[in-house]
Amino acid sequence: MPGNSRKYARVASKRPYTRHMECPECGISIEYWWTSGMSMAFPHFYCEDCGSPIVRHKDKAAVWPIKEEEEVRTKIDEIIAELPPCHCGGRYTLDGCPRCPKCKYRFSDEKPFKERVYMPHIYLLTGAKMLVEK
C-alpha cells in the first residue's frame, strides 16, 4: 500500500526499557514492555490466539475525538474487519489481550468498551510481535 509502512517490534528491541513479571498460571518469568501514555497508541488490538498487538495510526482519527459509544462501536467493527491476520494466523480483536508465551494465560483487566478503545498503553510480552503501521 503506497505511503504505508509496516514494522514489527519485539521485546528484545525495547531493552533496557523492559521489566519482568511472573505468570500467575505457570510461574515463568516474562519480560515485557509497554508504551507510554503519552504515545496515545489507540485504538490497538491484540491477537485472540497469541496476544500479539497491532496499532495503526490511521485508526485514531476514526475514534478521536471521543464520540458517542454507538458510533465508536461501528468504527471499531469497521477497523477490525479490515485488519490483516496476525503473523500466527489468528485475528486481532478489541477483546484480545496479552498472553503468556508458555501457557497462553490471558492477562486481561476486563475494562469497559470505551476504556479499551482509548487505552493508551500497549503491552508487548516476550514471544509476541507488535505490528505497527504508520
Protein backbone atom coordinates (compact mmCIF):
# COMPACT_ATOMS: atom_id res chain seq x y z
CA MET A 1 0.00 0.00 0.00
CA PRO A 2 1.63 3.32 -1.02
CA GLY A 3 2.61 5.58 1.85
CA ASN A 4 2.07 2.79 4.37
CA SER A 5 4.97 1.46 6.38
CA ARG A 6 4.74 -1.65 8.50
CA LYS A 7 7.19 -2.76 11.09
CA TYR A 8 7.28 -5.37 13.80
CA ALA A 9 8.66 -4.79 17.27
CA ARG A 10 9.72 -7.42 19.78
CA VAL A 11 10.53 -7.14 23.46
CA ALA A 12 14.26 -7.61 22.81
CA SER A 13 14.28 -4.44 20.69
CA LYS A 14 12.93 -2.44 23.65
CA ARG A 15 15.71 -3.20 26.15
CA PRO A 16 16.75 -1.61 28.54
CA TYR A 17 13.17 -0.35 28.98
CA THR A 18 11.70 -3.75 29.79
CA ARG A 19 10.62 -5.33 33.06
CA HIS A 20 9.81 -8.83 34.27
CA MET A 21 6.70 -10.33 35.80
CA GLU A 22 5.66 -13.82 36.79
CA CYS A 23 2.83 -15.62 35.04
CA PRO A 24 0.18 -16.32 37.69
CA GLU A 25 -0.72 -19.59 35.93
CA CYS A 26 2.57 -21.33 35.12
CA GLY A 27 5.06 -19.21 37.10
CA ILE A 28 7.57 -18.43 34.34
CA SER A 29 9.30 -15.06 34.28
CA ILE A 30 8.03 -12.97 31.37
CA GLU A 31 9.91 -9.97 30.04
CA TYR A 32 7.57 -7.20 28.90
CA TRP A 33 7.48 -3.60 27.67
CA TRP A 34 4.62 -1.12 27.38
CA THR A 35 4.06 2.11 25.52
CA SER A 36 3.92 5.33 27.48
CA GLY A 37 0.56 7.01 27.94
CA MET A 38 1.97 9.95 26.00
CA SER A 39 2.12 7.87 22.84
CA MET A 40 -1.69 7.77 22.68
CA ALA A 41 -1.43 4.45 20.83
CA PHE A 42 -5.13 3.83 20.43
CA PRO A 43 -7.13 2.07 19.31
CA HIS A 44 -5.00 -1.04 19.40
CA PHE A 45 -5.92 -4.68 19.25
CA TYR A 46 -4.45 -8.00 20.40
CA CYS A 47 -4.48 -11.32 18.60
CA GLU A 48 -7.01 -13.62 20.22
CA ASP A 49 -4.61 -16.57 19.82
CA CYS A 50 -1.06 -15.40 20.60
CA GLY A 51 -1.63 -11.99 22.21
CA SER A 52 0.47 -10.02 19.73
CA PRO A 53 -0.69 -6.39 19.42
CA ILE A 54 -1.34 -4.22 16.37
CA VAL A 55 -1.66 -0.44 16.17
CA ARG A 56 -2.36 1.53 13.03
CA HIS A 57 -2.01 5.27 13.41
CA LYS A 58 -4.71 5.95 10.83
CA ASP A 59 -7.34 4.33 13.07
CA LYS A 60 -7.04 7.00 15.76
CA ALA A 61 -8.78 9.56 13.55
CA ALA A 62 -11.81 7.27 13.28
CA VAL A 63 -12.43 7.31 17.04
CA TRP A 64 -10.90 10.63 18.14
CA PRO A 65 -12.12 12.99 19.38
CA ILE A 66 -14.26 10.87 21.68
CA LYS A 67 -17.62 10.23 20.09
CA GLU A 68 -20.89 8.58 21.11
CA GLU A 69 -20.40 4.94 22.05
CA GLU A 70 -22.60 3.55 19.27
CA GLU A 71 -20.61 5.50 16.65
CA VAL A 72 -17.34 4.26 18.15
CA ARG A 73 -18.62 0.64 18.16
CA THR A 74 -19.45 0.95 14.46
CA LYS A 75 -15.99 2.38 13.66
CA ILE A 76 -14.22 -0.31 15.70
CA ASP A 77 -16.15 -3.04 13.87
CA GLU A 78 -15.12 -1.47 10.53
CA ILE A 79 -11.47 -1.27 11.63
CA ILE A 80 -11.39 -4.88 12.84
CA ALA A 81 -12.93 -6.08 9.56
CA GLU A 82 -10.01 -4.62 7.59
CA LEU A 83 -7.15 -5.64 9.91
CA PRO A 84 -4.68 -8.11 8.44
CA PRO A 85 -4.39 -11.53 10.03
CA CYS A 86 -1.83 -11.88 12.81
CA HIS A 87 1.56 -13.40 11.94
CA CYS A 88 0.38 -16.57 13.82
CA GLY A 89 -2.75 -16.81 11.67
CA GLY A 90 -5.11 -15.56 14.40
CA ARG A 91 -7.23 -12.46 14.25
CA TYR A 92 -6.96 -9.21 16.13
CA THR A 93 -9.87 -8.17 18.36
CA LEU A 94 -10.61 -5.44 20.87
CA ASP A 95 -11.27 -8.16 23.46
CA GLY A 96 -7.90 -9.79 22.86
CA CYS A 97 -5.15 -9.34 25.44
CA PRO A 98 -1.50 -10.14 26.07
CA ARG A 99 -0.81 -13.84 26.68
CA CYS A 100 1.84 -15.86 28.48
CA PRO A 101 4.27 -17.23 25.88
CA LYS A 102 4.31 -20.65 27.62
CA CYS A 103 0.79 -21.46 28.87
CA LYS A 104 -1.23 -18.75 26.98
CA TYR A 105 -2.67 -17.32 30.21
CA ARG A 106 -4.74 -14.21 29.34
CA PHE A 107 -3.54 -11.03 31.05
CA SER A 108 -6.96 -9.40 30.92
CA ASP A 109 -8.22 -6.50 33.01
CA GLU A 110 -11.86 -6.59 31.81
CA LYS A 111 -12.24 -2.86 31.15
CA PRO A 112 -15.48 -1.43 29.72
CA PHE A 113 -15.66 -0.98 25.94
CA LYS A 114 -14.77 2.74 25.72
CA GLU A 115 -11.85 2.33 28.14
CA ARG A 116 -10.44 -0.45 25.93
CA VAL A 117 -10.83 1.71 22.81
CA TYR A 118 -8.99 4.69 24.32
CA MET A 119 -6.40 2.74 26.36
CA PRO A 120 -3.08 4.50 25.60
CA HIS A 121 -0.81 1.64 26.75
CA ILE A 122 0.11 -1.35 24.63
CA TYR A 123 1.73 -4.28 26.41
CA LEU A 124 4.28 -6.35 24.50
CA LEU A 125 5.30 -9.64 26.12
CA THR A 126 8.13 -11.99 25.26
CA GLY A 127 7.17 -14.10 22.25
CA ALA A 128 4.75 -11.54 20.83
CA LYS A 129 5.35 -9.35 17.77
CA MET A 130 3.79 -5.89 17.71
CA LEU A 131 2.72 -4.77 14.24
CA VAL A 132 2.91 -1.01 13.84
CA GLU A 133 1.53 0.70 10.74
CA LYS A 134 2.20 4.38 10.16
